[in-house]
Protein backbone atom coordinates (compact mmCIF):
# COMPACT_ATOMS: atom_id res chain seq x y z
CA UNK A 1 -26.08 23.87 6.27
CA UNK A 2 -25.47 25.41 9.72
CA UNK A 3 -22.07 23.74 10.03
CA UNK A 4 -23.04 20.81 12.33
CA UNK A 5 -23.00 17.79 10.05
CA UNK A 6 -23.25 15.21 12.87
CA UNK A 7 -26.58 16.63 13.90
CA UNK A 8 -27.73 16.68 10.25
CA UNK A 9 -26.79 12.92 9.93
CA UNK A 10 -28.87 12.05 12.96
CA UNK A 11 -31.93 14.15 11.94
CA UNK A 12 -31.74 12.93 8.28
CA UNK A 13 -31.60 9.29 9.36
CA UNK A 14 -34.62 9.84 11.62
CA UNK A 15 -36.44 11.51 8.78
CA UNK A 16 -35.58 8.66 6.42
CA UNK A 17 -36.95 6.07 8.84
CA UNK A 18 -40.43 7.52 8.34
CA UNK A 19 -42.83 7.69 5.39
CA UNK A 20 -41.61 9.95 2.67
CA UNK A 21 -42.63 10.50 -0.88
CA UNK A 22 -40.07 9.02 -3.40
CA UNK A 23 -38.70 12.41 -4.41
CA UNK A 24 -38.44 13.59 -0.77
CA UNK A 25 -36.66 10.34 0.14
CA UNK A 26 -34.24 10.83 -2.77
CA UNK A 27 -33.37 14.43 -1.77
CA UNK A 28 -33.07 13.42 1.92
CA UNK A 29 -30.62 10.66 0.96
CA UNK A 30 -28.59 13.04 -1.15
CA UNK A 31 -28.41 15.48 1.86
CA UNK A 32 -27.51 12.57 4.10
CA UNK A 33 -24.56 11.68 1.79
CA UNK A 34 -23.42 15.31 1.88
CA UNK A 35 -23.75 15.45 5.69
CA UNK A 36 -21.82 12.23 6.10
CA UNK A 37 -19.00 13.55 4.01
CA UNK A 38 -18.93 16.85 5.98
CA UNK A 39 -18.85 14.68 9.18
CA UNK A 40 -15.73 12.91 7.94
CA UNK A 41 -17.47 9.59 7.08
CA UNK A 42 -16.45 9.37 3.42
CA UNK A 43 -16.87 5.63 3.15
CA UNK A 44 -20.43 5.72 4.62
CA UNK A 45 -21.19 8.67 2.39
CA UNK A 46 -20.24 6.66 -0.69
CA UNK A 47 -22.57 3.86 0.32
CA UNK A 48 -25.47 6.23 0.58
CA UNK A 49 -24.56 8.12 -2.63
CA UNK A 50 -24.22 4.99 -4.70
CA UNK A 51 -28.05 4.51 -4.59
CA UNK A 52 -29.17 4.25 -8.27
CA UNK A 53 -31.99 6.81 -7.58
CA UNK A 54 -29.38 9.42 -6.52
CA UNK A 55 -27.17 9.02 -9.56
CA UNK A 56 -29.68 10.95 -11.56
CA UNK A 57 -29.07 14.10 -9.41
CA UNK A 58 -26.27 16.21 -10.80
CA UNK A 59 -24.73 17.02 -7.42
CA UNK A 60 -24.29 13.30 -6.59
CA UNK A 61 -21.27 13.00 -8.81
CA UNK A 62 -19.60 15.96 -7.09
CA UNK A 63 -20.23 14.53 -3.61
CA UNK A 64 -19.04 11.08 -4.74
CA UNK A 65 -15.90 12.70 -6.11
CA UNK A 66 -15.33 14.52 -2.86
CA UNK A 67 -15.71 11.25 -0.95
CA UNK A 68 -13.28 9.47 -3.24
CA UNK A 69 -10.80 12.32 -2.80
CA UNK A 70 -11.19 12.09 0.97
CA UNK A 71 -10.31 8.43 0.69
CA UNK A 72 -7.37 9.31 -1.59
CA UNK A 73 -8.76 7.32 -4.48
CA UNK A 74 -7.54 9.90 -6.94
CA UNK A 75 -8.18 8.15 -10.19
CA UNK A 76 -11.83 7.52 -9.24
CA UNK A 77 -12.17 11.13 -7.90
CA UNK A 78 -10.69 12.52 -11.10
CA UNK A 79 -13.24 10.76 -13.33
CA UNK A 80 -16.12 11.98 -11.12
CA UNK A 81 -14.77 15.53 -10.86
CA UNK A 82 -14.54 15.67 -14.66
CA UNK A 83 -18.10 14.58 -15.07
CA UNK A 84 -19.27 17.11 -12.41
CA UNK A 85 -17.24 19.90 -14.03
CA UNK A 86 -18.87 19.10 -17.45
CA UNK A 87 -22.27 20.07 -16.05
CA UNK A 88 -22.35 23.75 -16.95
CA UNK A 89 -25.46 24.59 -14.87
CA UNK A 90 -24.15 22.92 -11.72
CA UNK A 91 -23.66 25.23 -8.71
CA UNK A 92 -20.61 23.03 -7.89
CA UNK A 93 -18.95 23.44 -11.29
CA UNK A 94 -16.08 25.65 -10.15
CA UNK A 95 -15.48 23.46 -7.07
CA UNK A 96 -15.50 20.38 -9.33
CA UNK A 97 -12.90 21.96 -11.62
CA UNK A 98 -10.81 22.74 -8.51
CA UNK A 99 -11.22 19.09 -7.39
CA UNK A 100 -10.15 17.91 -10.82
CA UNK A 101 -6.94 19.99 -10.56
CA UNK A 102 -6.26 18.66 -7.13
CA UNK A 103 -6.77 15.08 -8.35
CA UNK A 104 -4.39 15.71 -11.30
CA UNK A 105 -1.82 17.08 -8.81
CA UNK A 106 -2.18 14.03 -6.48
CA UNK A 107 -1.74 11.75 -9.52
CA UNK A 108 1.58 13.53 -10.28
CA UNK A 109 0.38 15.26 -13.37
CA UNK A 110 1.44 18.84 -12.39
CA UNK A 111 1.35 20.44 -15.93
CA UNK A 112 -2.20 19.31 -16.44
CA UNK A 113 -3.13 20.51 -12.90
CA UNK A 114 -1.61 23.93 -13.68
CA UNK A 115 -3.78 24.23 -16.84
CA UNK A 116 -6.93 23.37 -14.91
CA UNK A 117 -6.17 25.76 -12.02
CA UNK A 118 -5.57 28.52 -14.59
CA UNK A 119 -9.21 28.11 -15.69
CA UNK A 120 -10.26 29.31 -12.22
CA UNK A 121 -8.14 32.46 -12.04
CA UNK A 122 -11.23 34.52 -13.13
CA UNK A 123 -13.66 32.89 -10.71
CA UNK A 124 -14.02 34.98 -7.55
CA UNK A 125 -14.89 32.00 -5.36
CA UNK A 126 -11.97 29.76 -6.26
CA UNK A 127 -9.37 32.21 -7.63
CA UNK A 128 -7.35 32.49 -4.40
CA UNK A 129 -7.03 28.77 -3.82
CA UNK A 130 -6.28 28.12 -7.53
CA UNK A 131 -3.51 30.74 -7.60
CA UNK A 132 -1.96 29.44 -4.28
CA UNK A 133 -2.07 25.83 -5.43
CA UNK A 134 -0.47 26.89 -8.77
CA UNK A 135 2.33 28.60 -6.91
CA UNK A 136 2.90 25.45 -4.85
CA UNK A 137 3.17 23.31 -8.00
CA UNK A 138 5.53 25.87 -9.65
CA UNK A 139 7.77 25.82 -6.53
CA UNK A 140 7.87 22.09 -6.68
CA UNK A 141 8.97 22.30 -10.23
CA UNK A 142 11.62 24.93 -9.28
CA UNK A 143 9.92 27.53 -11.57
CA UNK A 144 10.62 30.50 -9.33
CA UNK A 145 9.85 33.06 -12.12
CA UNK A 146 6.40 31.60 -12.71
CA UNK A 147 5.76 31.32 -8.94
CA UNK A 148 6.81 34.92 -8.36
CA UNK A 149 4.57 36.17 -11.29
CA UNK A 150 1.48 34.53 -9.76
CA UNK A 151 2.35 35.47 -6.16
CA UNK A 152 2.79 39.11 -7.09
CA UNK A 153 -0.75 39.33 -8.48
CA UNK A 154 -2.44 37.10 -5.79
CA UNK A 155 -4.56 39.13 -3.37
CA UNK A 156 -6.19 36.62 -1.02
CA UNK A 157 -9.13 37.71 1.10
CA UNK A 158 -9.31 34.99 3.80
CA UNK A 159 -6.81 35.13 6.66
CA UNK A 160 -5.78 31.53 6.12
CA UNK A 161 -5.06 32.33 2.45
CA UNK A 162 -3.07 35.36 3.40
CA UNK A 163 -0.92 33.20 5.75
CA UNK A 164 -0.56 30.59 3.05
CA UNK A 165 0.66 33.26 0.61
CA UNK A 166 3.23 34.44 3.11
CA UNK A 167 4.37 30.82 3.60
CA UNK A 168 4.73 30.42 -0.17
CA UNK A 169 6.60 33.68 -0.43
CA UNK A 170 9.01 32.36 2.26
CA UNK A 171 9.45 29.13 0.30
CA UNK A 172 10.15 31.18 -2.87
CA UNK A 173 12.73 33.32 -1.14
CA UNK A 174 14.36 30.20 0.28
CA UNK A 175 14.62 28.66 -3.21
CA UNK A 176 16.19 31.92 -4.37
CA UNK A 177 18.81 31.67 -1.53
CA UNK A 178 17.40 34.81 0.11
CA UNK A 179 17.56 33.16 3.52
CA UNK A 180 17.08 36.23 5.67
CA UNK A 181 13.97 37.33 3.74
CA UNK A 182 12.60 33.75 3.97
CA UNK A 183 13.30 33.65 7.69
CA UNK A 184 11.54 36.99 8.23
CA UNK A 185 8.43 35.73 6.31
CA UNK A 186 8.36 32.49 8.30
CA UNK A 187 8.69 34.33 11.61
CA UNK A 188 5.70 36.59 10.82
CA UNK A 189 3.63 33.41 10.31
CA UNK A 190 4.75 31.99 13.66
CA UNK A 191 3.84 35.25 15.45
């Protein structure tokens, strides 16, 4: 939770080697799977998360979906993201919907991905990413009017998202053959 997943993996493994109550062991294993995923060890995370005791936890499907996506197993990830998104009370519901849209996009189903991203336009946590991904898809489809409509209303908060918006604006201008405007936008990013 403090952003150092490698340390969490070591500490959780040490904790799991001791005596724990069944419920404590289950929760520690779930956290270990999450930490392994954050540490970039998706294959190992899947091994931990496949424990039948963990499958009863709602968050397990979400972390398994994330691991499958990390391994670019998009069909498996899509199924798990759909299950995680169906859990209305889950704190990961919006992120699962976002993951579902990304999986659809990776599976070359852009129209479905656009529909799913649109569900997140009213969610403050995922709105910026959903709008920017939608613009990317629309640009890939050569739908400059749709891309412009979303870009004009997008107001990203994070610096990385602001830079991504500028990049997408540059791509849009390039598609519209406004080369100088595109070049100016790209140069501001490089600066």
